[in-house]
Amino acid sequence: MSVPGAMRRVLARLAQMARLMVGMPDYDAYCRHMAAHHPERAPMSRAAFFRDRQQARYGSGGGRCC
């Protein structure tokens, strides 16, 4: 079963929104941003990007729950 282009874009956008809602950043969007706005800099690897975003979200572990 083939998914038409418009439907594929809608599904991709929904998946991206779902990842952002649970705090999982979009590595592909990061790579597109780096290529468009910072072509002189090499983007982080997927693993480094994930660690960086985790650190930014949760900090050094000294945060509080409430």
Protein backbone atom coordinates (compact mmCIF):
# COMPACT_ATOMS: atom_id res chain seq x y z
CA MET A 1 0.00 0.00 0.00
CA SER A 2 1.50 3.31 -1.09
CA VAL A 3 1.05 6.47 0.96
CA PRO A 4 0.55 9.63 -1.15
CA GLY A 5 3.06 12.46 -0.69
CA ALA A 6 0.67 14.78 1.17
CA MET A 7 -0.31 12.04 3.60
CA ARG A 8 3.34 11.12 4.14
CA ARG A 9 4.13 14.76 5.07
CA VAL A 10 1.20 14.88 7.50
CA LEU A 11 2.32 11.64 9.15
CA ALA A 12 5.91 12.89 9.38
CA ARG A 13 4.73 16.14 11.00
CA LEU A 14 2.56 14.23 13.49
CA ALA A 15 5.51 12.01 14.40
CA GLN A 16 7.70 15.08 14.89
CA MET A 17 5.07 16.72 17.13
CA ALA A 18 4.73 13.54 19.18
CA ARG A 19 8.51 13.35 19.71
CA LEU A 20 8.62 16.99 20.80
CA MET A 21 5.71 16.47 23.23
CA VAL A 22 7.65 13.75 25.04
CA GLY A 23 10.87 15.76 24.96
CA MET A 24 12.65 13.89 22.18
CA PRO A 25 14.22 16.48 19.88
CA ASP A 26 14.40 16.11 16.11
CA TYR A 27 17.95 15.33 14.96
CA ASP A 28 17.08 15.73 11.27
CA ALA A 29 15.71 19.24 11.89
CA TYR A 30 18.91 20.05 13.80
CA CYS A 31 21.03 18.88 10.84
CA ARG A 32 18.95 20.98 8.41
CA HIS A 33 19.35 24.02 10.69
CA MET A 34 23.11 23.53 10.96
CA ALA A 35 23.47 23.22 7.16
CA ALA A 36 21.35 26.31 6.53
CA HIS A 37 22.62 28.61 9.28
CA HIS A 38 26.05 27.31 10.32
CA PRO A 39 27.59 25.61 7.26
CA GLU A 40 31.11 26.19 8.60
CA ARG A 41 30.42 24.01 11.66
CA ALA A 42 30.10 20.24 11.62
CA PRO A 43 26.89 19.00 13.27
CA MET A 44 27.08 16.80 16.36
CA SER A 45 26.67 13.07 15.95
CA ARG A 46 23.21 11.67 16.74
CA ALA A 47 24.49 10.31 20.08
CA ALA A 48 26.17 13.61 21.03
CA PHE A 49 23.02 15.53 20.04
CA PHE A 50 20.87 13.29 22.24
CA ARG A 51 23.25 13.69 25.21
CA ASP A 52 23.33 17.47 24.71
CA ARG A 53 19.53 17.72 24.63
CA GLN A 54 19.22 15.47 27.70
CA GLN A 55 21.71 17.64 29.58
CA ALA A 56 19.84 20.78 28.56
CA ARG A 57 16.54 19.33 29.71
CA TYR A 58 17.55 17.62 32.94
CA GLY A 59 20.71 19.48 33.88
CA SER A 60 23.27 17.96 36.17
CA GLY A 61 20.74 15.89 38.10
CA GLY A 62 20.43 18.42 40.90
CA GLY A 63 16.95 19.50 39.84
CA ARG A 64 13.79 18.98 41.78
CA CYS A 65 10.69 17.10 40.82
CA CYS A 66 8.18 19.63 42.10
